[in-house]
Protein backbone atom coordinates (compact mmCIF):
# COMPACT_ATOMS: atom_id res chain seq x y z
CA MET A 1 0.00 0.00 0.00
CA ASN A 2 1.65 3.24 -1.17
CA ASN A 3 1.53 6.59 0.63
CA ASN A 4 -0.99 8.17 -1.76
CA PHE A 5 -3.47 5.36 -1.19
CA ARG A 6 -3.05 5.57 2.58
CA LYS A 7 -3.59 9.32 2.52
CA ALA A 8 -6.71 8.93 0.38
CA LEU A 9 -8.08 6.28 2.73
CA ALA A 10 -7.38 8.45 5.77
CA TRP A 11 -9.05 11.49 4.22
CA THR A 12 -12.04 9.35 3.22
CA CYS A 13 -12.44 8.10 6.79
CA ILE A 14 -12.14 11.65 8.13
CA ILE A 15 -14.78 12.93 5.70
CA ILE A 16 -17.14 10.04 6.55
CA PHE A 17 -16.61 10.74 10.25
CA LEU A 18 -17.29 14.46 9.79
CA ILE A 19 -20.50 13.64 7.93
CA LEU A 20 -21.79 10.86 10.22
CA ALA A 21 -20.78 12.30 13.60
CA PRO A 22 -23.16 15.29 13.48
CA ILE A 23 -25.95 13.07 12.13
CA THR A 24 -25.40 10.59 14.96
CA ILE A 25 -25.31 13.36 17.55
CA LEU A 26 -28.46 14.97 16.12
CA TYR A 27 -30.22 11.60 16.07
CA SER A 28 -29.23 10.91 19.68
CA VAL A 29 -30.82 14.19 20.86
CA GLY A 30 -34.02 13.62 18.93
CA TYR A 31 -33.41 15.06 15.45
CA HIS A 32 -34.44 13.04 12.41
CA LEU A 33 -34.44 13.61 8.68
CA ASP A 34 -37.92 14.25 7.38
CA TRP A 35 -38.11 13.56 3.64
CA ASN A 36 -41.47 15.26 3.09
CA PRO A 37 -40.24 17.92 2.49
CA PRO A 38 -36.54 17.15 3.09
CA LYS A 39 -35.46 18.77 6.37
CA ILE A 40 -33.96 17.95 9.75
CA THR A 41 -36.55 18.13 12.50
CA GLN A 42 -36.90 17.16 16.15
CA THR A 43 -39.09 14.18 16.94
CA GLY A 44 -41.96 13.62 19.34
CA GLY A 45 -43.79 10.66 20.77
CA LEU A 46 -47.06 8.95 21.61
CA PHE A 47 -48.03 7.60 25.03
CA PHE A 48 -50.96 5.25 25.65
CA ARG A 49 -52.53 3.65 28.70
CA VAL A 50 -54.99 0.92 27.75
CA LEU A 51 -57.30 -1.44 29.64
CA PRO A 52 -57.44 -4.39 29.57
CA GLU A 53 -53.80 -5.23 29.03
CA PRO A 54 -51.91 -6.22 26.97
CA ALA A 55 -53.04 -4.69 23.66
CA GLU A 56 -51.36 -4.15 20.28
CA ILE A 57 -50.71 -0.63 18.95
CA PHE A 58 -50.75 -0.03 15.21
CA LEU A 59 -49.47 3.20 13.64
CA ASP A 60 -50.54 3.76 10.04
CA SER A 61 -51.59 0.08 9.83
CA LYS A 62 -48.20 -1.21 11.06
CA LEU A 63 -47.78 -3.02 14.38
CA LYS A 64 -45.55 -0.77 16.45
CA LYS A 65 -45.70 -1.99 20.03
CA THR A 66 -47.60 -3.96 22.67
CA THR A 67 -48.71 -2.33 25.89
CA ASP A 68 -47.10 -3.27 29.17
CA PHE A 69 -48.61 -6.40 30.73
CA PHE A 70 -48.83 -4.93 34.24
CA PHE A 71 -49.76 -1.28 33.68
CA GLY A 72 -51.22 -1.29 30.17
CA SER A 73 -48.99 1.61 29.12
CA SER A 74 -46.67 2.16 26.18
CA LEU A 75 -44.41 4.99 24.97
CA ILE A 76 -43.51 5.20 21.30
CA ASP A 77 -40.76 7.78 20.81
CA ASN A 78 -38.62 9.16 17.97
CA LEU A 79 -41.66 9.84 15.78
CA LEU A 80 -41.56 12.47 13.06
CA PRO A 81 -44.00 15.36 13.60
CA LYS A 82 -47.19 14.56 11.68
CA LYS A 83 -50.61 12.98 12.10
CA TYR A 84 -50.71 9.25 12.72
CA SER A 85 -53.65 6.89 12.25
CA ILE A 86 -53.74 4.80 15.42
CA SER A 87 -55.48 1.50 15.99
CA ILE A 88 -55.31 -0.31 19.34
CA ARG A 89 -56.47 -3.91 19.16
CA LYS A 90 -57.04 -6.94 21.34
CA ASP A 91 -58.65 -10.24 20.39
CA GLY A 92 -62.31 -10.37 21.44
CA TYR A 93 -62.57 -6.59 21.89
CA TYR A 94 -63.63 -3.64 19.78
CA SER A 95 -60.62 -1.72 18.52
CA TRP A 96 -59.93 1.90 19.50
CA GLU A 97 -59.10 4.11 16.54
CA LYS A 98 -58.12 7.74 16.33
CA GLN A 99 -55.88 10.08 14.37
CA LEU A 100 -53.52 12.02 16.63
CA GLU A 101 -50.87 14.58 15.80
CA VAL A 102 -47.29 14.31 17.03
CA LYS A 103 -45.49 17.62 17.47
CA GLU A 104 -41.78 18.41 17.85
CA LYS A 105 -40.37 17.80 21.33
CA MET A 106 -43.81 16.80 22.66
CA VAL A 107 -45.52 13.59 23.67
CA THR A 108 -49.16 13.23 22.63
CA ALA A 109 -51.01 11.13 25.21
CA ALA A 110 -54.20 9.08 25.40
CA GLU A 111 -54.26 7.71 28.93
CA ASN A 112 -57.86 6.57 29.45
CA ILE A 113 -58.45 4.04 26.68
CA LEU A 114 -60.93 1.27 27.46
CA LEU A 115 -61.37 -1.63 25.04
CA LEU A 116 -64.88 -3.05 25.22
CA PRO A 117 -65.75 -6.75 24.80
CA GLN A 118 -67.43 -7.76 21.56
CA ASN A 119 -69.50 -10.24 23.56
CA PRO A 120 -70.81 -8.77 26.86
CA ASP A 121 -71.99 -12.31 27.76
CA LEU A 122 -75.46 -11.50 29.10
CA THR A 123 -76.99 -13.87 31.64
CA THR A 124 -80.56 -13.81 32.92
CA ILE A 125 -81.12 -12.89 36.57
CA SER A 126 -84.91 -12.98 36.69
CA THR A 127 -88.06 -12.70 34.58
CA ASN A 128 -91.44 -11.01 35.07
CA ILE A 129 -89.65 -7.86 36.32
CA GLU A 130 -91.28 -4.45 36.00
CA ASN A 131 -88.56 -2.32 37.62
CA PHE A 132 -85.34 -2.63 39.63
CA TRP A 133 -83.11 -0.57 41.92
CA LEU A 134 -79.44 -0.92 42.95
CA SER A 135 -78.45 -0.31 46.58
CA PRO A 136 -75.87 2.43 47.29
CA ASP A 137 -73.39 -0.17 48.58
CA ASN A 138 -73.77 -2.06 45.26
CA LYS A 139 -74.51 -5.33 47.06
CA ASN A 140 -78.22 -5.82 46.41
CA LEU A 141 -80.96 -5.26 43.88
CA ILE A 142 -84.61 -4.72 44.69
CA LEU A 143 -86.85 -6.20 42.01
CA LYS A 144 -90.47 -5.27 41.44
CA GLU A 145 -92.20 -8.34 40.09
CA LYS A 146 -95.37 -7.94 38.04
CA PRO A 147 -98.67 -9.55 39.15
CA LEU A 148 -99.08 -13.04 37.80
CA THR A 149 -102.77 -12.37 37.10
CA ASP A 150 -104.84 -9.24 36.41
CA GLU A 151 -106.14 -9.34 39.99
CA GLY A 152 -102.85 -10.36 41.59
CA ASP A 153 -100.37 -8.34 43.62
CA TRP A 154 -97.09 -6.83 42.57
CA SER A 155 -94.27 -7.79 44.93
CA LEU A 156 -90.78 -6.63 45.92
CA LYS A 157 -87.86 -9.07 46.07
CA LEU A 158 -84.33 -8.60 47.39
CA TYR A 159 -81.60 -10.06 45.18
CA ASN A 160 -78.17 -10.56 46.75
CA LEU A 161 -75.61 -10.04 43.97
CA SER A 162 -72.76 -12.01 45.51
CA LYS A 163 -74.83 -14.99 46.70
CA LYS A 164 -77.26 -14.84 43.73
CA ILE A 165 -80.18 -15.41 46.09
CA LYS A 166 -83.62 -13.82 45.70
CA SER A 167 -85.76 -13.39 48.82
CA HIS A 168 -89.28 -12.03 49.31
CA LEU A 169 -89.77 -8.59 50.91
CA ILE A 170 -93.42 -7.53 50.62
CA LYS A 171 -96.39 -7.73 48.29
CA GLU A 172 -98.94 -5.09 47.39
CA SER A 173 -101.62 -6.25 49.81
CA ASP A 174 -99.16 -6.04 52.72
CA ILE A 175 -99.54 -2.28 52.37
CA TYR A 176 -103.22 -1.98 51.45
CA ALA A 177 -105.53 -4.84 50.61
CA LYS A 178 -107.60 -2.86 48.10
CA GLY A 179 -104.69 -1.82 45.92
CA ALA A 180 -101.56 0.31 46.15
CA ASP A 181 -99.44 1.89 43.43
CA LEU A 182 -95.67 1.95 43.89
CA MET A 183 -94.74 5.46 42.73
CA ASN A 184 -91.10 5.59 43.85
CA LEU A 185 -88.48 3.64 45.80
CA GLU A 186 -85.30 4.96 47.41
CA PHE A 187 -82.60 3.30 49.50
CA SER A 188 -81.26 4.88 52.66
CA ASP A 189 -77.66 6.08 52.39
CA ASN A 190 -76.44 3.06 54.39
CA SER A 191 -78.47 0.60 52.21
CA LYS A 192 -80.15 -0.89 55.29
CA SER A 193 -83.61 0.52 54.63
CA VAL A 194 -85.80 1.48 51.70
CA PHE A 195 -88.46 4.15 51.49
CA LEU A 196 -91.56 3.59 49.37
CA GLU A 197 -93.83 6.27 47.98
CA ILE A 198 -97.22 4.62 47.59
CA GLY A 199 -100.40 5.86 45.99
CA ILE A 200 -103.50 4.81 47.97
CA LYS A 201 -106.94 6.17 47.10
CA GLU A 202 -105.43 9.08 45.17
CA GLN A 203 -103.22 10.00 48.12
CA ALA A 204 -99.43 9.65 48.32
CA LYS A 205 -98.12 7.99 51.45
CA LYS A 206 -94.58 7.01 52.46
CA PHE A 207 -93.50 3.74 54.04
CA ALA A 208 -90.17 2.48 55.34
CA LEU A 209 -88.82 -1.08 55.16
CA ASP A 210 -86.07 -2.27 57.47
CA LEU A 211 -84.15 -4.79 55.36
CA SER A 212 -82.61 -6.40 58.44
CA GLN A 213 -86.06 -7.72 59.45
CA THR A 214 -87.35 -11.01 58.06
CA PRO A 215 -89.84 -10.34 56.67
CA PRO A 216 -89.71 -6.53 56.77
CA ILE A 217 -92.91 -4.82 57.92
CA PRO A 218 -93.88 -1.64 56.07
CA LYS A 219 -94.19 1.28 58.50
CA GLU A 220 -95.80 4.52 57.45
CA VAL A 221 -93.56 7.56 57.91
CA LYS A 222 -94.47 11.22 57.98
CA ASP A 223 -92.35 13.93 56.37
CA GLN A 224 -90.67 16.18 58.87
CA PRO A 225 -92.32 19.60 58.69
CA ILE A 226 -90.10 22.27 57.17
CA PRO A 227 -90.14 25.42 59.34
CA ILE A 228 -90.29 27.68 56.28
CA ASP A 229 -93.43 28.34 54.29
CA ASN A 230 -93.84 28.41 50.53
CA ILE A 231 -90.89 26.19 49.56
CA ILE A 232 -91.16 25.02 45.95
CA THR A 233 -88.16 22.65 45.87
CA SER A 234 -85.01 21.94 47.89
CA GLN A 235 -81.75 20.00 47.75
CA GLY A 236 -79.21 19.03 50.39
CA PHE A 237 -75.51 19.54 49.63
CA GLU A 238 -72.61 18.93 52.04
CA GLY A 239 -74.73 19.55 55.13
CA ASP A 240 -76.49 22.65 53.76
CA ILE A 241 -79.92 22.95 52.21
CA TYR A 242 -80.68 25.01 49.12
CA TYR A 243 -84.32 25.85 48.44
CA LEU A 244 -86.47 27.87 46.05
CA ASP A 245 -89.43 29.79 47.45
CA ASN A 246 -92.60 30.80 45.65
CA LEU A 247 -91.31 34.35 45.10
CA GLY A 248 -88.47 33.06 42.92
CA TYR A 249 -85.60 33.41 45.39
CA VAL A 250 -83.08 30.71 46.22
CA PHE A 251 -81.69 30.47 49.74
CA LYS A 252 -78.90 28.51 51.41
CA THR A 253 -79.55 27.41 54.99
CA ASP A 254 -78.25 24.95 57.55
CA SER A 255 -79.97 21.67 58.37
CA ASN A 256 -81.90 23.35 61.22
CA PHE A 257 -83.13 26.18 58.98
CA GLU A 258 -81.76 28.67 61.51
CA GLN A 259 -79.30 30.61 59.35
CA LYS A 260 -80.06 31.43 55.75
CA THR A 261 -78.32 33.30 52.95
CA GLN A 262 -80.15 34.63 49.90
CA ILE A 263 -78.44 33.48 46.70
CA ASN A 264 -80.13 35.53 43.96
CA GLN A 265 -81.18 39.17 44.19
CA LYS A 266 -83.15 39.01 40.95
CA PRO A 267 -86.02 36.54 41.31
CA ILE A 268 -86.94 33.96 38.72
CA THR A 269 -90.61 33.86 37.77
CA VAL A 270 -92.20 30.81 39.40
CA LEU A 271 -94.88 29.42 37.11
CA PRO A 272 -97.95 27.52 38.32
CA GLU A 273 -98.23 23.78 37.62
CA THR A 274 -94.51 23.62 36.78
CA ASN A 275 -91.92 21.19 38.11
CA TYR A 276 -88.81 22.75 39.64
CA GLU A 277 -85.63 21.04 40.83
CA LEU A 278 -82.39 22.44 42.27
CA LYS A 279 -78.99 20.83 41.64
CA LYS A 280 -75.61 21.93 43.01
CA PHE A 281 -72.25 20.69 41.73
CA LYS A 282 -69.06 22.29 43.06
CA ASP A 283 -69.79 26.05 42.94
CA LEU A 284 -72.45 25.74 40.24
CA ILE A 285 -76.16 25.96 41.05
CA PHE A 286 -78.64 24.69 38.47
CA LEU A 287 -82.39 25.16 38.45
CA ARG A 288 -84.54 22.93 36.32
CA GLU A 289 -87.91 24.28 35.18
CA ASN A 290 -89.72 21.39 33.49
CA ARG A 291 -87.26 20.65 30.65
CA THR A 292 -85.35 23.96 30.73
CA LEU A 293 -82.11 24.05 32.72
CA TYR A 294 -80.88 27.36 34.15
CA LEU A 295 -77.41 28.08 35.57
CA PHE A 296 -76.91 30.78 38.20
CA ASN A 297 -74.39 33.40 37.06
CA GLN A 298 -72.69 34.71 40.19
CA GLU A 299 -71.21 37.73 38.42
CA SER A 300 -74.52 39.04 37.07
CA ASN A 301 -76.49 37.55 39.98
CA SER A 302 -79.08 36.14 37.61
CA TRP A 303 -80.32 32.88 36.13
CA GLU A 304 -79.19 32.15 32.57
CA LYS A 305 -80.65 29.53 30.30
CA PHE A 306 -78.08 26.74 30.09
CA PHE A 307 -79.70 23.92 28.10
CA GLU A 308 -83.02 22.67 26.77
CA PRO A 309 -84.81 20.37 26.42
CA ILE A 310 -82.98 18.71 29.31
CA VAL A 311 -83.64 15.07 30.21
CA ASP A 312 -81.09 14.66 33.02
CA LEU A 313 -77.59 15.53 34.21
CA GLU A 314 -75.11 13.53 36.29
CA LEU A 315 -71.78 14.15 38.01
CA SER A 316 -68.79 12.01 37.00
CA PRO A 317 -67.19 9.62 39.54
CA ASP A 318 -64.13 11.90 39.81
CA SER A 319 -66.44 14.95 40.36
CA LYS A 320 -64.60 16.87 37.62
CA LYS A 321 -67.27 16.92 34.93
CA LEU A 322 -70.99 16.75 34.23
CA VAL A 323 -72.86 14.88 31.54
CA TYR A 324 -76.22 16.30 30.45
CA PHE A 325 -78.46 15.29 27.59
CA SER A 326 -81.63 15.89 25.64
CA ASP A 327 -83.64 13.35 23.67
CA TYR A 328 -81.03 13.32 20.90
CA GLU A 329 -77.83 15.04 22.12
CA ILE A 330 -75.23 14.32 24.81
CA TRP A 331 -72.87 16.98 26.21
CA THR A 332 -70.19 17.16 28.88
CA MET A 333 -69.14 20.20 30.91
CA PHE A 334 -65.87 20.45 32.84
CA LEU A 335 -65.96 21.65 36.44
CA GLU A 336 -62.17 21.80 36.90
CA ASN A 337 -59.12 22.59 34.82
CA ILE A 338 -57.85 19.32 33.34
CA GLN A 339 -54.11 19.11 32.70
CA GLU A 340 -53.91 15.67 31.11
CA GLN A 341 -54.61 15.48 27.40
CA PRO A 342 -56.98 16.58 26.00
CA SER A 343 -56.63 19.52 28.41
CA LYS A 344 -59.73 21.47 29.40
CA GLN A 345 -60.64 24.67 31.23
CA ILE A 346 -63.41 25.17 33.78
CA GLY A 347 -66.68 25.63 31.93
CA ASP A 348 -65.59 23.98 28.67
CA LYS A 349 -68.44 22.10 26.98
CA VAL A 350 -68.07 19.20 24.55
CA LEU A 351 -70.75 17.74 22.29
CA ILE A 352 -70.28 13.98 22.62
CA MET A 353 -72.82 12.82 20.03
CA ARG A 354 -76.08 13.41 18.23
CA LEU A 355 -78.32 10.42 17.62
CA SER A 356 -81.32 9.79 15.42
CA GLU A 357 -82.64 7.31 17.99
CA LYS A 358 -84.19 8.73 21.16
CA ILE A 359 -81.91 8.68 24.20
CA LYS A 360 -83.44 7.14 27.33
CA SER A 361 -80.59 7.46 29.83
CA VAL A 362 -76.91 8.35 30.12
CA ASN A 363 -74.72 7.20 33.00
CA TRP A 364 -71.00 7.21 33.74
CA LEU A 365 -69.17 3.91 33.26
CA ASN A 366 -66.05 5.57 34.68
CA SER A 367 -64.86 9.17 34.51
CA SER A 368 -63.89 8.81 30.84
CA TYR A 369 -66.68 6.64 29.40
CA LEU A 370 -70.48 6.82 29.24
CA VAL A 371 -73.20 4.17 29.09
CA ILE A 372 -76.04 5.27 26.83
CA ALA A 373 -79.44 3.57 26.58
CA THR A 374 -81.51 4.29 23.48
CA GLU A 375 -84.79 2.76 22.33
CA ASN A 376 -83.16 -0.42 21.01
CA LYS A 377 -79.57 -0.64 22.18
CA VAL A 378 -76.97 0.05 24.84
CA LYS A 379 -73.97 2.05 23.66
CA VAL A 380 -70.68 2.83 25.38
CA SER A 381 -68.78 5.96 24.38
CA GLU A 382 -65.57 7.69 25.34
CA ILE A 383 -65.57 11.47 25.97
CA ASP A 384 -62.20 12.19 24.27
CA GLU A 385 -63.37 14.27 21.30
CA ARG A 386 -60.01 14.47 19.50
CA ASP A 387 -60.46 13.42 15.85
CA LYS A 388 -63.48 11.16 16.42
CA ILE A 389 -65.25 9.77 19.46
CA ASN A 390 -64.99 6.00 19.82
CA ALA A 391 -68.43 4.53 20.57
CA VAL A 392 -69.71 0.97 20.22
CA ASP A 393 -73.15 -0.61 20.17
CA LEU A 394 -72.52 -3.02 23.02
CA ILE A 395 -75.95 -4.62 23.45
CA GLN A 396 -79.01 -4.87 21.18
CA LEU A 397 -82.20 -5.12 23.25
CA PRO A 398 -85.60 -3.41 22.94
CA ASN A 399 -86.38 -0.54 25.34
CA PRO A 400 -83.51 -1.22 27.78
CA GLU A 401 -83.29 0.20 31.31
CA VAL A 402 -79.64 0.22 32.41
CA LEU A 403 -77.69 0.49 35.66
CA PHE A 404 -73.92 0.11 36.14
CA ASN A 405 -72.55 -1.44 39.32
CA GLU A 406 -69.28 0.29 40.23
CA ALA A 407 -68.31 -2.51 42.63
CA ASN A 408 -68.48 -5.56 40.35
CA LYS A 409 -68.10 -3.56 37.07
CA LYS A 410 -71.20 -5.14 35.52
CA LEU A 411 -74.19 -3.75 33.66
CA TYR A 412 -77.74 -4.64 34.66
CA ILE A 413 -80.30 -4.33 31.87
CA LEU A 414 -84.07 -4.68 32.05
CA SER A 415 -85.75 -5.42 28.72
CA ASN A 416 -89.16 -6.96 28.00
CA ASP A 417 -89.67 -7.88 31.69
CA THR A 418 -86.34 -9.78 31.82
CA LEU A 419 -83.39 -8.61 33.91
CA TYR A 420 -79.93 -9.37 32.51
CA GLN A 421 -76.40 -9.09 33.84
CA SER A 422 -73.29 -8.51 31.73
CA LYS A 423 -69.80 -9.75 32.45
CA GLU A 424 -67.25 -7.35 33.96
CA LEU A 425 -66.63 -4.40 31.63
CA LEU A 426 -63.71 -2.93 33.58
CA PRO A 427 -60.62 -4.76 34.84
C-alpha cells in the first residue's frame, strides 16, 4: 500500500466521520431527517394507557408496540411530527381508533383508553320484572315483580348479587288490601332501609322497610315539617340545604333552617303547575324548570338559560365533569381545569354525540366513558373528542333500562320484563 493510497483512505475516513458524527449526535438528541419535504426536525412521541392489558398498537396500519402487561402503558418515541392513524387492538374486543398529531419535542397522550368486549356475555337474573333498583353499597338489587294475574299483587324481592339469592320482601296487599301503586323507591344512604312512595286512594303515602327484618314490615312515615313556608323545591348539599321559594328566590340554609343566605337578588318567575328542581355541583347551582335548565351566574347575579330540552344531568365519579343530555344530544361540561390530554378549562363544553334514535338514559361507566341507553340498544362511548369519538353498540335489546354497578363492574339491563347481567366491563 503506497503513501498516496493511505492518505486517500485516511481522508475518506475523516470525511465520513465528519458527515456521520453530526448526524449521529443529532439523532441521539431527537433530530431526524424528514423527507417530506426534506429537512432535519426534532421528533416527538405517543403515550398510551390501555385497559385491559396487553393490547397491540398499530401506527398507520403497522404493528408498532404492545402495551405493558402490568400497567397497560406504552411509549412510542422518535416519531416524526405529523398525524398518525392509530389502531389499538385486542382479540375479542372492539378496537380503539383515532388520528392524533405528534409535534416536535412533545408527547401526545391518550391515557384513558378502554377496550370493550365484543360479547358482553349477558346472563338472565330474573323474569317477570317491572322495575329494579341498585343499593348504594352495590350489594343488592330490589326487584319489582309484576302480578301473575290481572287481579294479583305486585311484589318486591331482594336479590343478593354475591350470593345470587332472591328473597321475598313484601307484596302489594301487605300495604293496602284494596290496591296500592308503587310510585317511587329509594334506598337509605347506608343501604339498610328502603323508602316507598305509595299511591292509595289518590293519596301519596310514604312507608319504610327495614331490610334487616325477616320479613320486613312496612311502616308509614311522615315527612318532617319544614319550618319555612312556601318552599317550591329543595336540595341538600354537604350539610347545607338550598331551596327555592314561591317568590323566585333561592336560599342557602343549615340543616336546622336557623341561618339562611339569599343566593339571587333578581327573582326567577315561578310558574304555576310547573316542576322545579335544584342541583348543586361544586360552585355551580342549576335550576330545572320542566325541561329547561338554568345556571346561576354569580357575576350578574341572575339565572341564565343553560340547556333545553334537558332530560337529566349527572356528576362524574371523579367529580370533575358533568354529563347532560336531551332526547337526541349528549354533552359534557368540565368543572375543573384538566391538565392531562386533552386539556380542558373550567366551563368547557363538549358535544359527545347526536343520535337519530331517542336517548333514554346516560350514566357514567367511569370518569372517561359513558353508558347510553336508546330505544333499542346500549352504547358505550368515550368522551375524548379528539379526531373522532370512539363509541360501540354493546348490546341490542328493545327498550332497555340500564344500571352500572361500580363494585363488580357489571351492567344490569331490564328489557321486556327480563333482567340481565353482563360480564365485567372494567378490569
